[in-house]
Amino acid sequence: MNILLFLIPISLLMIAAAAGIFVWAVRHGQFEDLDTPALDVLREDEPPARSAVPPDTTSDDDAD
């Protein structure tokens, strides 16, 4: 039963910390737009820009 004297205050501290983190997140707008980040995965990426310099096709092994 003595363990309850340790576990109850620890659990109350954890609940208070979770509530504090939740309040902080709400005040800082973390829950404002929940749909757009989920849809970012479905958007197509822009094609990579072509470089003006062609890739080097020679290797150092061929120089021998």
N, C-alpha and C. Protein backbone atom coordinates (compact mmCIF):
# COMPACT_ATOMS: atom_id res chain seq x y z
N MET A 1 0.81 -1.20 0.00
CA MET A 1 0.00 0.00 0.00
C MET A 1 0.85 1.26 0.00
N ASN A 2 2.09 1.13 0.46
CA ASN A 2 2.95 2.31 0.48
C ASN A 2 3.30 2.78 -0.93
N ILE A 3 3.24 1.87 -1.88
CA ILE A 3 3.55 2.24 -3.26
C ILE A 3 2.54 3.23 -3.81
N LEU A 4 1.30 3.20 -3.28
CA LEU A 4 0.28 4.15 -3.72
C LEU A 4 0.67 5.58 -3.37
N LEU A 5 1.40 5.76 -2.30
CA LEU A 5 1.86 7.10 -1.92
C LEU A 5 2.85 7.64 -2.95
N PHE A 6 3.45 6.77 -3.72
CA PHE A 6 4.37 7.17 -4.78
C PHE A 6 3.66 7.25 -6.13
N LEU A 7 2.81 6.28 -6.43
CA LEU A 7 2.19 6.19 -7.74
C LEU A 7 1.11 7.25 -7.99
N ILE A 8 0.32 7.57 -6.98
CA ILE A 8 -0.75 8.55 -7.17
C ILE A 8 -0.19 9.94 -7.49
N PRO A 9 0.79 10.46 -6.75
CA PRO A 9 1.34 11.77 -7.13
C PRO A 9 2.02 11.76 -8.50
N ILE A 10 2.70 10.66 -8.83
CA ILE A 10 3.34 10.57 -10.14
C ILE A 10 2.29 10.59 -11.25
N SER A 11 1.20 9.86 -11.07
CA SER A 11 0.16 9.85 -12.09
C SER A 11 -0.52 11.21 -12.20
N LEU A 12 -0.71 11.90 -11.09
CA LEU A 12 -1.29 13.25 -11.15
C LEU A 12 -0.36 14.22 -11.86
N LEU A 13 0.93 14.08 -11.66
CA LEU A 13 1.90 14.93 -12.38
C LEU A 13 1.87 14.64 -13.88
N MET A 14 1.75 13.39 -14.24
CA MET A 14 1.70 13.03 -15.66
C MET A 14 0.42 13.56 -16.31
N ILE A 15 -0.70 13.49 -15.60
CA ILE A 15 -1.96 14.03 -16.12
C ILE A 15 -1.86 15.54 -16.28
N ALA A 16 -1.27 16.21 -15.30
CA ALA A 16 -1.10 17.66 -15.38
C ALA A 16 -0.19 18.04 -16.54
N ALA A 17 0.87 17.27 -16.76
CA ALA A 17 1.78 17.55 -17.88
C ALA A 17 1.07 17.35 -19.21
N ALA A 18 0.30 16.29 -19.34
CA ALA A 18 -0.43 16.04 -20.59
C ALA A 18 -1.46 17.14 -20.85
N ALA A 19 -2.15 17.57 -19.81
CA ALA A 19 -3.13 18.66 -19.97
C ALA A 19 -2.42 19.95 -20.35
N GLY A 20 -1.28 20.22 -19.75
CA GLY A 20 -0.52 21.42 -20.08
C GLY A 20 -0.03 21.41 -21.52
N ILE A 21 0.45 20.28 -21.99
CA ILE A 21 0.90 20.17 -23.38
C ILE A 21 -0.27 20.34 -24.33
N PHE A 22 -1.42 19.79 -23.99
CA PHE A 22 -2.60 19.95 -24.83
C PHE A 22 -3.04 21.40 -24.91
N VAL A 23 -3.07 22.09 -23.78
CA VAL A 23 -3.46 23.50 -23.76
C VAL A 23 -2.47 24.32 -24.58
N TRP A 24 -1.17 24.03 -24.45
CA TRP A 24 -0.16 24.75 -25.22
C TRP A 24 -0.39 24.54 -26.72
N ALA A 25 -0.68 23.32 -27.12
CA ALA A 25 -0.88 23.02 -28.53
C ALA A 25 -2.11 23.74 -29.08
N VAL A 26 -3.17 23.81 -28.30
CA VAL A 26 -4.37 24.50 -28.76
C VAL A 26 -4.11 25.99 -28.89
N ARG A 27 -3.41 26.57 -27.94
CA ARG A 27 -3.13 28.02 -27.98
C ARG A 27 -2.19 28.40 -29.11
N HIS A 28 -1.32 27.50 -29.52
CA HIS A 28 -0.36 27.80 -30.58
C HIS A 28 -0.84 27.33 -31.95
N GLY A 29 -2.10 26.96 -32.06
CA GLY A 29 -2.69 26.66 -33.37
C GLY A 29 -2.29 25.34 -33.98
N GLN A 30 -1.90 24.38 -33.18
CA GLN A 30 -1.49 23.10 -33.73
C GLN A 30 -2.66 22.29 -34.27
N PHE A 31 -3.88 22.63 -33.88
CA PHE A 31 -5.06 21.89 -34.33
C PHE A 31 -5.92 22.71 -35.29
N GLU A 32 -5.37 23.77 -35.86
CA GLU A 32 -6.15 24.64 -36.73
C GLU A 32 -6.49 23.98 -38.07
N ASP A 33 -5.52 23.37 -38.72
CA ASP A 33 -5.73 22.79 -40.05
C ASP A 33 -5.28 21.33 -40.02
N LEU A 34 -6.22 20.45 -39.83
CA LEU A 34 -5.89 19.03 -39.73
C LEU A 34 -5.99 18.31 -41.07
N ASP A 35 -6.61 18.93 -42.08
CA ASP A 35 -6.83 18.24 -43.35
C ASP A 35 -5.69 18.41 -44.35
N THR A 36 -5.12 19.60 -44.43
CA THR A 36 -4.11 19.87 -45.46
C THR A 36 -2.86 19.01 -45.32
N PRO A 37 -2.27 18.83 -44.13
CA PRO A 37 -1.08 17.98 -44.06
C PRO A 37 -1.33 16.54 -44.51
N ALA A 38 -2.52 16.04 -44.29
CA ALA A 38 -2.82 14.67 -44.72
C ALA A 38 -2.92 14.59 -46.24
N LEU A 39 -3.35 15.66 -46.88
CA LEU A 39 -3.49 15.65 -48.34
C LEU A 39 -2.18 15.94 -49.05
N ASP A 40 -1.18 16.46 -48.36
CA ASP A 40 0.11 16.74 -48.98
C ASP A 40 0.76 15.48 -49.54
N VAL A 41 0.47 14.35 -48.96
CA VAL A 41 1.04 13.09 -49.42
C VAL A 41 0.51 12.75 -50.81
N LEU A 42 -0.71 13.12 -51.10
CA LEU A 42 -1.34 12.75 -52.36
C LEU A 42 -0.98 13.67 -53.51
N ARG A 43 -0.43 14.83 -53.22
CA ARG A 43 -0.06 15.77 -54.29
C ARG A 43 1.16 15.26 -55.02
N GLU A 44 1.17 15.49 -56.33
CA GLU A 44 2.31 15.08 -57.12
C GLU A 44 3.43 16.10 -56.97
N ASP A 45 4.64 15.60 -56.91
CA ASP A 45 5.79 16.48 -56.85
C ASP A 45 6.04 17.07 -58.23
N GLU A 46 6.63 18.25 -58.23
CA GLU A 46 7.02 18.85 -59.50
C GLU A 46 8.20 18.07 -60.06
N PRO A 47 8.26 17.92 -61.39
CA PRO A 47 9.40 17.18 -61.95
C PRO A 47 10.69 17.94 -61.67
N PRO A 48 11.78 17.22 -61.46
CA PRO A 48 13.04 17.90 -61.17
C PRO A 48 13.50 18.71 -62.38
N ALA A 49 14.12 19.83 -62.10
CA ALA A 49 14.62 20.69 -63.18
C ALA A 49 15.80 20.02 -63.86
N ARG A 50 15.88 20.16 -65.17
CA ARG A 50 17.00 19.56 -65.90
C ARG A 50 18.22 20.44 -65.72
N SER A 51 19.33 19.81 -65.48
CA SER A 51 20.55 20.58 -65.30
C SER A 51 21.14 20.93 -66.66
N ALA A 52 21.85 22.05 -66.73
CA ALA A 52 22.46 22.50 -67.97
C ALA A 52 23.71 21.70 -68.29
N VAL A 53 24.34 21.13 -67.27
CA VAL A 53 25.58 20.38 -67.45
C VAL A 53 25.24 18.90 -67.57
N PRO A 54 25.67 18.23 -68.65
CA PRO A 54 25.38 16.79 -68.75
C PRO A 54 26.17 16.01 -67.70
N PRO A 55 25.65 14.89 -67.28
CA PRO A 55 26.37 14.09 -66.27
C PRO A 55 27.67 13.54 -66.83
N ASP A 56 28.64 13.40 -65.98
CA ASP A 56 29.95 12.89 -66.37
C ASP A 56 29.84 11.38 -66.58
N THR A 57 30.07 10.94 -67.81
CA THR A 57 29.91 9.52 -68.13
C THR A 57 31.23 8.77 -68.10
N THR A 58 32.33 9.47 -67.96
CA THR A 58 33.62 8.79 -67.90
C THR A 58 33.93 8.44 -66.47
N SER A 59 34.63 7.35 -66.29
CA SER A 59 35.04 6.96 -64.95
C SER A 59 36.56 6.93 -64.89
N ASP A 60 37.08 6.97 -63.69
CA ASP A 60 38.53 6.95 -63.51
C ASP A 60 39.12 5.60 -63.88
N ASP A 61 38.33 4.54 -63.84
CA ASP A 61 38.84 3.20 -64.17
C ASP A 61 39.15 3.06 -65.66
N ASP A 62 38.46 3.81 -66.52
CA ASP A 62 38.68 3.72 -67.96
C ASP A 62 39.96 4.43 -68.41
N ALA A 63 40.55 5.24 -67.55
CA ALA A 63 41.71 6.03 -67.93
C ALA A 63 42.96 5.17 -68.05
N ASP A 64 42.98 3.97 -67.55
CA ASP A 64 44.20 3.13 -67.58
C ASP A 64 44.52 2.69 -68.93
